[in-house]
Amino acid sequence: MKNALRWRSSIIGFLLATVLTASAQHYTLQTDPAKSTVKFTLDAALHTVNGTFQVRPGALQFDPASSQIQGEILVDAKSGQTGNGMRDRKMHKDVLESERYPEISFRPQRVEGAVRNSGQSSVSVHGMFRLHGVDREITVPAQVEMSGDHWTATIHFTVPYQKWGLKNPSTLFLRVSDSVQIEVLASGSVVQQNASNTPAQ
C-alpha cells in the first residue's frame, strides 16, 4: 500500500513538474522563407485568379503561459504574381502600389486557445495586419503544429481590399470580387528557452 502511494505521488509530482517546466518556457519561432508562402484567390466573372507572395525571414516570440506573442510575419509585396504579366503589372501599379508600399505584414499579439507542445492545435490569433501602409486589427483562425524543433501554421482569412481603400481592378469586360481570400503557410524552426533566462523586452 505504501509503495503504491509513493508510486502515485511520484507520478503526480512528475506531471506537475512537467506542467511547471512547460509554463516557465517560451518559444522563438523562426520563419523559413523556403518553406513559407502566402497564397491568394480572387474570384472573377469568367475564372478564378490564383497567386502567391514570398515570405521574408523573421521570428515570433511565443509565451504559452500568458498566450502573448510578438514579432511579425513579413511579406514581400513586390513578389506578388499570378502567372499573367499584364495582370501582375496592373496589380502592382494600380492596386497594391507595391513600389510605394513594398511590405505587407502581420504582427500577432496574442493567441486565443491552447497550443500543444507536440501535435496539432486549432487556435485564433489576434494582431495587426498592415496593408497599403495602414494597420488594421484582426483575429484569424490558425492551425498550428509543433513537432520537436519544427513548427508550421496555416492561416485563412478574407481581405475586403476595396472596403479598405484599395482599387478594384475590374474593367468593362472583366468583373472581379471586391475581396480576396488569403492563405498563409508559415513554417520554420523552434528554439525553446527558459523564460527566466529571456532578456527583458
Protein backbone atom coordinates (compact mmCIF):
# COMPACT_ATOMS: atom_id res chain seq x y z
CA MET A 1 0.00 0.00 0.00
CA LYS A 2 2.76 2.42 0.94
CA ASN A 3 4.65 1.55 -2.24
CA ALA A 4 1.52 2.24 -4.29
CA LEU A 5 1.04 5.62 -2.60
CA ARG A 6 4.67 6.51 -3.19
CA TRP A 7 4.35 5.48 -6.85
CA ARG A 8 1.23 7.62 -7.29
CA SER A 9 2.91 10.56 -5.56
CA SER A 10 5.90 10.19 -7.87
CA ILE A 11 3.68 10.17 -10.96
CA ILE A 12 1.74 13.23 -9.75
CA GLY A 13 4.98 15.01 -8.93
CA PHE A 14 6.37 14.23 -12.38
CA LEU A 15 3.24 15.57 -14.10
CA LEU A 16 3.26 18.76 -12.02
CA ALA A 17 6.93 19.30 -12.75
CA THR A 18 6.29 18.85 -16.46
CA VAL A 19 3.46 21.40 -16.43
CA LEU A 20 5.51 23.91 -14.42
CA THR A 21 8.52 23.45 -16.67
CA ALA A 22 6.44 23.98 -19.82
CA SER A 23 4.81 27.11 -18.38
CA ALA A 24 8.23 28.55 -17.48
CA GLN A 25 9.46 28.38 -21.06
CA HIS A 26 8.82 30.34 -24.19
CA TYR A 27 9.49 29.67 -27.85
CA THR A 28 11.24 31.51 -30.63
CA LEU A 29 9.52 30.51 -33.87
CA GLN A 30 11.85 31.31 -36.74
CA THR A 31 10.29 31.65 -40.19
CA ASP A 32 11.93 29.83 -43.08
CA PRO A 33 11.10 31.64 -46.38
CA ALA A 34 11.88 28.49 -48.38
CA LYS A 35 9.09 26.66 -46.55
CA SER A 36 6.61 29.53 -46.24
CA THR A 37 4.33 31.28 -48.70
CA VAL A 38 1.19 33.38 -48.97
CA LYS A 39 -1.47 32.27 -51.46
CA PHE A 40 -4.37 34.42 -52.60
CA THR A 41 -7.56 33.71 -54.53
CA LEU A 42 -9.65 36.34 -56.30
CA ASP A 43 -12.98 35.39 -57.84
CA ALA A 44 -13.69 36.81 -61.31
CA ALA A 45 -16.63 36.64 -63.72
CA LEU A 46 -15.01 34.16 -66.12
CA HIS A 47 -12.39 32.46 -63.96
CA THR A 48 -10.63 32.45 -60.60
CA VAL A 49 -7.32 34.27 -60.22
CA ASN A 50 -4.73 32.49 -58.06
CA GLY A 51 -1.42 33.97 -56.97
CA THR A 52 1.37 33.93 -54.45
CA PHE A 53 3.62 36.19 -52.42
CA GLN A 54 7.03 35.37 -50.93
CA VAL A 55 7.60 35.46 -47.18
CA ARG A 56 10.71 37.13 -45.78
CA PRO A 57 12.86 35.80 -42.90
CA GLY A 58 11.54 36.64 -39.44
CA ALA A 59 10.83 35.34 -35.95
CA LEU A 60 7.99 35.19 -33.44
CA GLN A 61 8.39 35.12 -29.65
CA PHE A 62 5.65 33.00 -28.04
CA ASP A 63 4.98 32.66 -24.30
CA PRO A 64 2.49 29.78 -23.72
CA ALA A 65 1.90 30.79 -20.09
CA SER A 66 0.50 34.22 -20.98
CA SER A 67 -0.57 33.43 -24.58
CA GLN A 68 1.36 36.53 -25.65
CA ILE A 69 3.18 36.50 -28.99
CA GLN A 70 5.44 39.13 -30.56
CA GLY A 71 7.26 39.60 -33.85
CA GLU A 72 5.88 39.61 -37.37
CA ILE A 73 5.27 37.60 -40.49
CA LEU A 74 6.66 39.82 -43.24
CA VAL A 75 5.60 39.51 -46.89
CA ASP A 76 7.35 40.98 -49.93
CA ALA A 77 4.55 42.85 -51.73
CA LYS A 78 6.67 43.19 -54.88
CA SER A 79 6.90 39.39 -55.17
CA GLY A 80 3.17 39.01 -55.88
CA GLN A 81 2.44 37.12 -59.08
CA THR A 82 -0.49 35.38 -60.77
CA GLY A 83 1.25 33.98 -63.86
CA ASN A 84 -0.02 36.73 -66.14
CA GLY A 85 2.46 39.54 -66.75
CA MET A 86 -0.04 42.20 -67.83
CA ARG A 87 -2.36 41.42 -64.92
CA ASP A 88 0.53 41.43 -62.45
CA ARG A 89 1.77 44.82 -63.64
CA LYS A 90 -1.72 46.24 -63.17
CA MET A 91 -1.95 44.67 -59.70
CA HIS A 92 1.34 46.19 -58.57
CA LYS A 93 0.81 49.60 -60.17
CA ASP A 94 -2.89 50.25 -59.61
CA VAL A 95 -3.97 48.07 -56.68
CA LEU A 96 -1.08 47.28 -54.33
CA GLU A 97 1.12 50.23 -55.34
CA SER A 98 3.97 47.98 -54.29
CA GLU A 99 6.70 50.47 -55.18
CA ARG A 100 5.26 52.79 -52.54
CA TYR A 101 4.19 50.03 -50.12
CA PRO A 102 6.75 47.22 -50.59
CA GLU A 103 5.79 45.23 -47.49
CA ILE A 104 2.70 43.52 -46.13
CA SER A 105 2.88 42.28 -42.56
CA PHE A 106 1.01 40.54 -39.76
CA ARG A 107 2.12 41.32 -36.21
CA PRO A 108 0.42 38.86 -33.83
CA GLN A 109 -0.23 39.94 -30.25
CA ARG A 110 -1.97 37.06 -28.50
CA VAL A 111 -3.13 33.50 -29.10
CA GLU A 112 -6.66 32.50 -28.10
CA GLY A 113 -6.67 28.80 -27.27
CA ALA A 114 -4.02 26.35 -26.11
CA VAL A 115 -1.06 25.43 -28.30
CA ARG A 116 0.09 21.88 -27.60
CA ASN A 117 3.81 21.25 -27.13
CA SER A 118 3.51 18.46 -29.69
CA GLY A 119 0.94 17.83 -32.38
CA GLN A 120 -1.80 19.96 -33.91
CA SER A 121 -3.79 22.75 -32.28
CA SER A 122 -6.69 24.88 -33.51
CA VAL A 123 -6.44 28.44 -32.18
CA SER A 124 -7.25 32.04 -33.06
CA VAL A 125 -4.54 34.66 -33.39
CA HIS A 126 -5.20 38.32 -32.67
CA GLY A 127 -2.94 41.02 -34.08
CA MET A 128 -2.33 43.86 -36.52
CA PHE A 129 -2.43 43.36 -40.29
CA ARG A 130 -0.63 46.03 -42.33
CA LEU A 131 -1.64 46.51 -45.95
CA HIS A 132 -1.15 49.54 -48.20
CA GLY A 133 0.51 51.38 -45.31
CA VAL A 134 -2.46 51.01 -42.94
CA ASP A 135 -2.67 48.86 -39.76
CA ARG A 136 -5.92 47.02 -39.05
CA GLU A 137 -6.80 44.88 -36.06
CA ILE A 138 -7.88 41.36 -36.99
CA THR A 139 -8.42 37.94 -35.40
CA VAL A 140 -7.78 34.94 -37.64
CA PRO A 141 -8.18 31.16 -37.22
CA ALA A 142 -4.95 29.17 -37.33
CA GLN A 143 -3.95 25.52 -37.45
CA VAL A 144 -0.64 25.14 -35.63
CA GLU A 145 1.57 22.06 -35.45
CA MET A 146 4.57 21.72 -33.14
CA SER A 147 6.97 18.86 -33.80
CA GLY A 148 10.25 18.87 -31.91
CA ASP A 149 12.37 21.67 -33.35
CA HIS A 150 9.92 22.44 -36.17
CA TRP A 151 6.64 24.37 -36.40
CA THR A 152 4.03 25.04 -39.06
CA ALA A 153 0.96 27.26 -39.14
CA THR A 154 -1.85 27.64 -41.66
CA ILE A 155 -3.98 30.78 -41.51
CA HIS A 156 -7.05 31.63 -43.61
CA PHE A 157 -8.84 34.96 -43.77
CA THR A 158 -10.59 37.36 -46.14
CA VAL A 159 -9.32 40.81 -47.06
CA PRO A 160 -12.09 43.23 -48.21
CA TYR A 161 -9.50 45.21 -50.14
CA GLN A 162 -11.91 47.63 -51.82
CA LYS A 163 -13.57 48.45 -48.49
CA TRP A 164 -10.08 49.06 -47.11
CA GLY A 165 -9.35 51.69 -49.73
CA LEU A 166 -7.56 49.72 -52.47
CA LYS A 167 -8.64 50.00 -56.08
CA ASN A 168 -10.83 47.31 -57.62
CA PRO A 169 -9.18 46.22 -60.91
CA SER A 170 -12.47 45.40 -62.64
CA THR A 171 -12.89 46.61 -66.22
CA LEU A 172 -15.82 46.96 -68.57
CA PHE A 173 -15.29 43.39 -69.78
CA LEU A 174 -13.99 41.70 -66.62
CA ARG A 175 -15.56 41.90 -63.19
CA VAL A 176 -13.70 40.68 -60.10
CA SER A 177 -14.69 40.31 -56.48
CA ASP A 178 -14.12 43.22 -54.08
CA SER A 179 -12.48 40.87 -51.55
CA VAL A 180 -9.65 38.35 -51.76
CA GLN A 181 -9.11 35.05 -49.92
CA ILE A 182 -5.74 34.74 -48.20
CA GLU A 183 -3.94 31.57 -47.06
CA VAL A 184 -0.72 31.97 -45.09
CA LEU A 185 1.51 28.90 -44.88
CA ALA A 186 4.29 29.60 -42.39
CA SER A 187 6.96 27.14 -41.30
CA GLY A 188 10.35 27.11 -39.65
CA SER A 189 12.43 26.07 -36.67
CA VAL A 190 11.66 26.19 -32.94
CA VAL A 191 14.07 27.41 -30.27
CA GLN A 192 12.84 26.65 -26.77
CA GLN A 193 14.14 28.83 -23.94
CA ASN A 194 13.62 29.21 -20.22
CA ALA A 195 11.61 32.36 -19.53
CA SER A 196 13.85 33.27 -16.59
CA ASN A 197 16.82 33.48 -18.97
CA THR A 198 15.00 35.61 -21.52
CA PRO A 199 16.21 39.21 -21.76
CA ALA A 200 13.60 41.84 -20.90
CA GLN A 201 11.93 43.43 -23.90
